[in-house]
């Protein structure tokens, strides 16, 4: 669950650096905007994590194609609300799972998966889309981009801050 929380935090930090204009912008007619990727992920999460252990992860009322369409009702606030609802459903579904639950079987599009496989399937899917969000946000932010990880040229300083010594250099005063 920690990795899923890290993915969400990474996406949220990238999204926060995006103007409303860029939130809905596409690079070309076939591309998805940050908003559309968020809508798609939210729809996927609602479908996958609602009644996770007891119903197929592809709910009959899901309209996946509409997740990739911008409607007049779409605002940054409405898309963000869908996004937050999706993540809330995900965390509500997996937080109570016990180690024994991980080997239980669930269905995703009528295909059997262990709970662990289903979680990994979704984490891989979400990581790919969050990578898209980060790339788009960084593209639009340009020189104003605030890195989400170790800044370029700062790896050694980061290693020192984590270990108290330069990477690969052992502090002989510590036994």
C-alpha atoms as a PDB file:
ATOM      1  CA  UNK A   1       0.000   0.000   0.000  1.00  0.00           C
ATOM      2  CA  UNK A   2       2.935   2.304   0.660  1.00  0.00           C
ATOM      3  CA  UNK A   3       3.931   2.237  -3.023  1.00  0.00           C
ATOM      4  CA  UNK A   4       0.401   3.165  -4.069  1.00  0.00           C
ATOM      5  CA  UNK A   5       0.437   6.092  -1.636  1.00  0.00           C
ATOM      6  CA  UNK A   6       3.795   7.182  -3.098  1.00  0.00           C
ATOM      7  CA  UNK A   7       2.362   7.018  -6.619  1.00  0.00           C
ATOM      8  CA  UNK A   8      -0.597   9.168  -5.612  1.00  0.00           C
ATOM      9  CA  UNK A   9       1.649  11.682  -3.862  1.00  0.00           C
ATOM     10  CA  UNK A  10       3.884  11.905  -6.922  1.00  0.00           C
ATOM     11  CA  UNK A  11       0.905  12.538  -9.182  1.00  0.00           C
ATOM     12  CA  UNK A  12      -0.606  15.091  -6.803  1.00  0.00           C
ATOM     13  CA  UNK A  13       2.680  17.023  -6.638  1.00  0.00           C
ATOM     14  CA  UNK A  14       2.937  17.059 -10.424  1.00  0.00           C
ATOM     15  CA  UNK A  15      -0.707  18.072 -10.884  1.00  0.00           C
ATOM     16  CA  UNK A  16      -0.306  20.910  -8.373  1.00  0.00           C
ATOM     17  CA  UNK A  17       2.312  22.452 -10.683  1.00  0.00           C
ATOM     18  CA  UNK A  18      -0.142  22.586 -13.587  1.00  0.00           C
ATOM     19  CA  UNK A  19      -2.278  25.570 -14.535  1.00  0.00           C
ATOM     20  CA  UNK A  20      -5.964  25.045 -15.290  1.00  0.00           C
ATOM     21  CA  UNK A  21      -5.210  25.657 -18.968  1.00  0.00           C
ATOM     22  CA  UNK A  22      -2.576  22.938 -19.056  1.00  0.00           C
ATOM     23  CA  UNK A  23      -4.683  20.592 -16.931  1.00  0.00           C
ATOM     24  CA  UNK A  24      -7.014  20.181 -19.939  1.00  0.00           C
ATOM     25  CA  UNK A  25      -4.445  20.696 -22.731  1.00  0.00           C
ATOM     26  CA  UNK A  26      -3.406  17.948 -25.127  1.00  0.00           C
ATOM     27  CA  UNK A  27      -0.165  17.722 -27.066  1.00  0.00           C
ATOM     28  CA  UNK A  28      -1.997  16.596 -30.206  1.00  0.00           C
ATOM     29  CA  UNK A  29      -5.494  15.444 -31.214  1.00  0.00           C
ATOM     30  CA  UNK A  30      -4.801  11.821 -30.276  1.00  0.00           C
ATOM     31  CA  UNK A  31      -3.201  12.591 -26.892  1.00  0.00           C
ATOM     32  CA  UNK A  32      -4.847  12.635 -23.486  1.00  0.00           C
ATOM     33  CA  UNK A  33      -4.747  15.596 -21.153  1.00  0.00           C
ATOM     34  CA  UNK A  34      -3.851  15.309 -17.487  1.00  0.00           C
ATOM     35  CA  UNK A  35      -7.573  15.685 -16.751  1.00  0.00           C
ATOM     36  CA  UNK A  36      -8.511  12.789 -19.051  1.00  0.00           C
ATOM     37  CA  UNK A  37      -5.844  10.523 -17.566  1.00  0.00           C
ATOM     38  CA  UNK A  38      -7.171  11.358 -14.105  1.00  0.00           C
ATOM     39  CA  UNK A  39     -10.779  10.683 -15.213  1.00  0.00           C
ATOM     40  CA  UNK A  40      -9.729   7.350 -16.688  1.00  0.00           C
ATOM     41  CA  UNK A  41      -7.855   6.330 -13.558  1.00  0.00           C
ATOM     42  CA  UNK A  42     -10.773   7.413 -11.374  1.00  0.00           C
ATOM     43  CA  UNK A  43     -13.219   5.379 -13.459  1.00  0.00           C
ATOM     44  CA  UNK A  44     -10.911   2.399 -13.327  1.00  0.00           C
ATOM     45  CA  UNK A  45     -10.527   2.716  -9.559  1.00  0.00           C
ATOM     46  CA  UNK A  46     -14.258   3.052  -8.985  1.00  0.00           C
ATOM     47  CA  UNK A  47     -14.809  -0.077 -11.035  1.00  0.00           C
ATOM     48  CA  UNK A  48     -11.939  -2.158  -9.677  1.00  0.00           C
ATOM     49  CA  UNK A  49     -12.122  -1.331  -5.981  1.00  0.00           C
ATOM     50  CA  UNK A  50     -15.885  -1.135  -5.356  1.00  0.00           C
ATOM     51  CA  UNK A  51     -16.863  -4.478  -3.794  1.00  0.00           C
ATOM     52  CA  UNK A  52     -13.354  -5.639  -4.647  1.00  0.00           C
ATOM     53  CA  UNK A  53     -13.530  -9.110  -3.095  1.00  0.00           C
ATOM     54  CA  UNK A  54     -17.076  -9.928  -4.169  1.00  0.00           C
ATOM     55  CA  UNK A  55     -17.751  -8.597  -7.689  1.00  0.00           C
ATOM     56  CA  UNK A  56     -15.929  -8.501 -11.007  1.00  0.00           C
ATOM     57  CA  UNK A  57     -13.547  -5.549 -11.192  1.00  0.00           C
ATOM     58  CA  UNK A  58     -15.101  -4.408 -14.456  1.00  0.00           C
ATOM     59  CA  UNK A  59     -18.501  -3.101 -13.366  1.00  0.00           C
ATOM     60  CA  UNK A  60     -21.339  -3.224 -15.908  1.00  0.00           C
ATOM     61  CA  UNK A  61     -22.118   0.489 -15.425  1.00  0.00           C
ATOM     62  CA  UNK A  62     -18.604   1.646 -16.296  1.00  0.00           C
ATOM     63  CA  UNK A  63     -18.383   3.604 -19.540  1.00  0.00           C
ATOM     64  CA  UNK A  64     -14.639   3.481 -20.159  1.00  0.00           C
ATOM     65  CA  UNK A  65     -14.816   5.340 -23.468  1.00  0.00           C
ATOM     66  CA  UNK A  66     -16.407   8.386 -21.784  1.00  0.00           C
ATOM     67  CA  UNK A  67     -13.449   8.567 -19.408  1.00  0.00           C
ATOM     68  CA  UNK A  68     -11.445   9.799 -22.392  1.00  0.00           C
ATOM     69  CA  UNK A  69     -13.894  12.564 -23.320  1.00  0.00           C
ATOM     70  CA  UNK A  70     -14.047  16.062 -21.920  1.00  0.00           C
ATOM     71  CA  UNK A  71     -17.573  17.235 -21.191  1.00  0.00           C
ATOM     72  CA  UNK A  72     -18.866  20.725 -20.469  1.00  0.00           C
ATOM     73  CA  UNK A  73     -19.335  19.686 -16.838  1.00  0.00           C
ATOM     74  CA  UNK A  74     -15.655  18.871 -16.415  1.00  0.00           C
ATOM     75  CA  UNK A  75     -13.792  21.338 -14.263  1.00  0.00           C
ATOM     76  CA  UNK A  76     -10.537  20.954 -12.440  1.00  0.00           C
ATOM     77  CA  UNK A  77     -12.525  20.617  -9.206  1.00  0.00           C
ATOM     78  CA  UNK A  78     -14.896  17.964 -10.585  1.00  0.00           C
ATOM     79  CA  UNK A  79     -12.083  15.889 -12.087  1.00  0.00           C
ATOM     80  CA  UNK A  80     -10.088  16.177  -8.860  1.00  0.00           C
ATOM     81  CA  UNK A  81     -13.140  15.042  -6.876  1.00  0.00           C
ATOM     82  CA  UNK A  82     -13.422  11.926  -9.080  1.00  0.00           C
ATOM     83  CA  UNK A  83      -9.677  11.328  -8.645  1.00  0.00           C
ATOM     84  CA  UNK A  84      -9.889  11.591  -4.855  1.00  0.00           C
ATOM     85  CA  UNK A  85     -12.945   9.320  -4.768  1.00  0.00           C
ATOM     86  CA  UNK A  86     -11.090   6.698  -6.809  1.00  0.00           C
ATOM     87  CA  UNK A  87      -8.072   6.721  -4.518  1.00  0.00           C
ATOM     88  CA  UNK A  88     -10.331   6.615  -1.480  1.00  0.00           C
ATOM     89  CA  UNK A  89     -12.038   3.494  -2.839  1.00  0.00           C
ATOM     90  CA  UNK A  90      -8.664   1.882  -3.522  1.00  0.00           C
ATOM     91  CA  UNK A  91      -7.318   2.530  -0.022  1.00  0.00           C
ATOM     92  CA  UNK A  92     -10.617   1.505   1.604  1.00  0.00           C
ATOM     93  CA  UNK A  93     -10.514  -1.781  -0.292  1.00  0.00           C
ATOM     94  CA  UNK A  94      -6.931  -2.757   0.430  1.00  0.00           C
ATOM     95  CA  UNK A  95      -6.335  -1.351   3.922  1.00  0.00           C
ATOM     96  CA  UNK A  96      -8.334  -4.051   5.725  1.00  0.00           C
ATOM     97  CA  UNK A  97      -6.819  -6.938   3.748  1.00  0.00           C
ATOM     98  CA  UNK A  98      -5.017  -9.565   5.790  1.00  0.00           C
ATOM     99  CA  UNK A  99      -2.119 -11.717   4.564  1.00  0.00           C
ATOM    100  CA  UNK A 100      -4.611 -14.575   4.108  1.00  0.00           C
ATOM    101  CA  UNK A 101      -6.716 -12.383   1.797  1.00  0.00           C
ATOM    102  CA  UNK A 102      -3.841 -12.001  -0.667  1.00  0.00           C
ATOM    103  CA  UNK A 103      -4.266 -15.527  -2.008  1.00  0.00           C
ATOM    104  CA  UNK A 104      -8.049 -15.250  -2.405  1.00  0.00           C
ATOM    105  CA  UNK A 105      -9.302 -15.092  -5.969  1.00  0.00           C
ATOM    106  CA  UNK A 106     -11.077 -12.130  -7.566  1.00  0.00           C
ATOM    107  CA  UNK A 107     -12.304 -11.466 -11.078  1.00  0.00           C
ATOM    108  CA  UNK A 108     -11.173  -8.681 -13.398  1.00  0.00           C
ATOM    109  CA  UNK A 109     -13.035  -8.753 -16.705  1.00  0.00           C
ATOM    110  CA  UNK A 110     -14.072 -12.345 -15.944  1.00  0.00           C
ATOM    111  CA  UNK A 111     -10.424 -13.354 -15.562  1.00  0.00           C
ATOM    112  CA  UNK A 112      -9.347 -14.909 -12.255  1.00  0.00           C
ATOM    113  CA  UNK A 113      -6.554 -13.200 -10.308  1.00  0.00           C
ATOM    114  CA  UNK A 114      -5.265 -13.686  -6.804  1.00  0.00           C
ATOM    115  CA  UNK A 115      -5.859 -10.554  -4.749  1.00  0.00           C
ATOM    116  CA  UNK A 116      -2.108  -9.922  -4.861  1.00  0.00           C
ATOM    117  CA  UNK A 117      -2.069 -10.280  -8.668  1.00  0.00           C
ATOM    118  CA  UNK A 118      -5.035  -7.918  -8.981  1.00  0.00           C
ATOM    119  CA  UNK A 119      -3.321  -5.306  -6.812  1.00  0.00           C
ATOM    120  CA  UNK A 120      -0.086  -5.632  -8.791  1.00  0.00           C
ATOM    121  CA  UNK A 121      -1.999  -5.385 -12.066  1.00  0.00           C
ATOM    122  CA  UNK A 122      -3.542  -2.113 -10.974  1.00  0.00           C
ATOM    123  CA  UNK A 123      -0.334  -0.706  -9.508  1.00  0.00           C
ATOM    124  CA  UNK A 124       1.419  -1.289 -12.839  1.00  0.00           C
ATOM    125  CA  UNK A 125      -1.463   0.359 -14.700  1.00  0.00           C
ATOM    126  CA  UNK A 126      -1.515   3.347 -12.358  1.00  0.00           C
ATOM    127  CA  UNK A 127       2.264   3.782 -12.447  1.00  0.00           C
ATOM    128  CA  UNK A 128       2.187   4.002 -16.239  1.00  0.00           C
ATOM    129  CA  UNK A 129      -0.511   6.676 -16.189  1.00  0.00           C
ATOM    130  CA  UNK A 130       1.143   8.618 -13.392  1.00  0.00           C
ATOM    131  CA  UNK A 131       4.300   8.640 -15.481  1.00  0.00           C
ATOM    132  CA  UNK A 132       2.241  10.254 -18.249  1.00  0.00           C
ATOM    133  CA  UNK A 133       0.852  12.836 -15.824  1.00  0.00           C
ATOM    134  CA  UNK A 134       4.325  13.686 -14.545  1.00  0.00           C
ATOM    135  CA  UNK A 135       5.723  13.995 -18.068  1.00  0.00           C
ATOM    136  CA  UNK A 136       2.908  16.310 -19.137  1.00  0.00           C
ATOM    137  CA  UNK A 137       3.091  18.423 -15.979  1.00  0.00           C
ATOM    138  CA  UNK A 138       6.859  18.776 -16.343  1.00  0.00           C
ATOM    139  CA  UNK A 139       6.497  19.673 -20.019  1.00  0.00           C
ATOM    140  CA  UNK A 140       3.959  22.397 -19.284  1.00  0.00           C
ATOM    141  CA  UNK A 141       5.803  23.765 -16.232  1.00  0.00           C
ATOM    142  CA  UNK A 142       9.055  24.135 -18.163  1.00  0.00           C
ATOM    143  CA  UNK A 143      11.697  26.044 -16.214  1.00  0.00           C
ATOM    144  CA  UNK A 144       9.283  26.461 -13.281  1.00  0.00           C
ATOM    145  CA  UNK A 145       9.161  22.691 -12.681  1.00  0.00           C
ATOM    146  CA  UNK A 146       9.919  21.626  -9.121  1.00  0.00           C
ATOM    147  CA  UNK A 147      11.438  18.164  -9.223  1.00  0.00           C
ATOM    148  CA  UNK A 148       9.627  15.296  -7.552  1.00  0.00           C
ATOM    149  CA  UNK A 149      12.830  13.417  -6.808  1.00  0.00           C
ATOM    150  CA  UNK A 150      16.556  14.058  -6.648  1.00  0.00           C
ATOM    151  CA  UNK A 151      17.453  17.139  -8.713  1.00  0.00           C
ATOM    152  CA  UNK A 152      19.881  16.713 -11.592  1.00  0.00           C
ATOM    153  CA  UNK A 153      23.468  16.892 -10.466  1.00  0.00           C
ATOM    154  CA  UNK A 154      22.508  16.468  -6.802  1.00  0.00           C
ATOM    155  CA  UNK A 155      22.754  12.688  -6.364  1.00  0.00           C
ATOM    156  CA  UNK A 156      25.892  12.822  -4.232  1.00  0.00           C
ATOM    157  CA  UNK A 157      24.421  15.483  -1.945  1.00  0.00           C
ATOM    158  CA  UNK A 158      21.279  13.382  -1.611  1.00  0.00           C
ATOM    159  CA  UNK A 159      23.329  10.297  -0.733  1.00  0.00           C
ATOM    160  CA  UNK A 160      25.227  12.277   1.921  1.00  0.00           C
ATOM    161  CA  UNK A 161      22.018  13.606   3.440  1.00  0.00           C
ATOM    162  CA  UNK A 162      20.620  10.078   3.727  1.00  0.00           C
ATOM    163  CA  UNK A 163      23.743   8.350   5.053  1.00  0.00           C
ATOM    164  CA  UNK A 164      25.787  11.125   6.593  1.00  0.00           C
ATOM    165  CA  UNK A 165      28.676  10.224   4.280  1.00  0.00           C
ATOM    166  CA  UNK A 166      29.373  10.409   0.595  1.00  0.00           C
ATOM    167  CA  UNK A 167      28.026   7.444  -1.336  1.00  0.00           C
ATOM    168  CA  UNK A 168      30.399   4.521  -1.139  1.00  0.00           C
ATOM    169  CA  UNK A 169      32.638   6.206   1.445  1.00  0.00           C
ATOM    170  CA  UNK A 170      32.495   4.525   4.796  1.00  0.00           C
ATOM    171  CA  UNK A 171      32.744   6.655   7.918  1.00  0.00           C
ATOM    172  CA  UNK A 172      35.592   4.962   9.828  1.00  0.00           C
ATOM    173  CA  UNK A 173      34.481   6.554  13.097  1.00  0.00           C
ATOM    174  CA  UNK A 174      31.381   4.340  13.092  1.00  0.00           C
ATOM    175  CA  UNK A 175      31.925   0.738  13.990  1.00  0.00           C
END
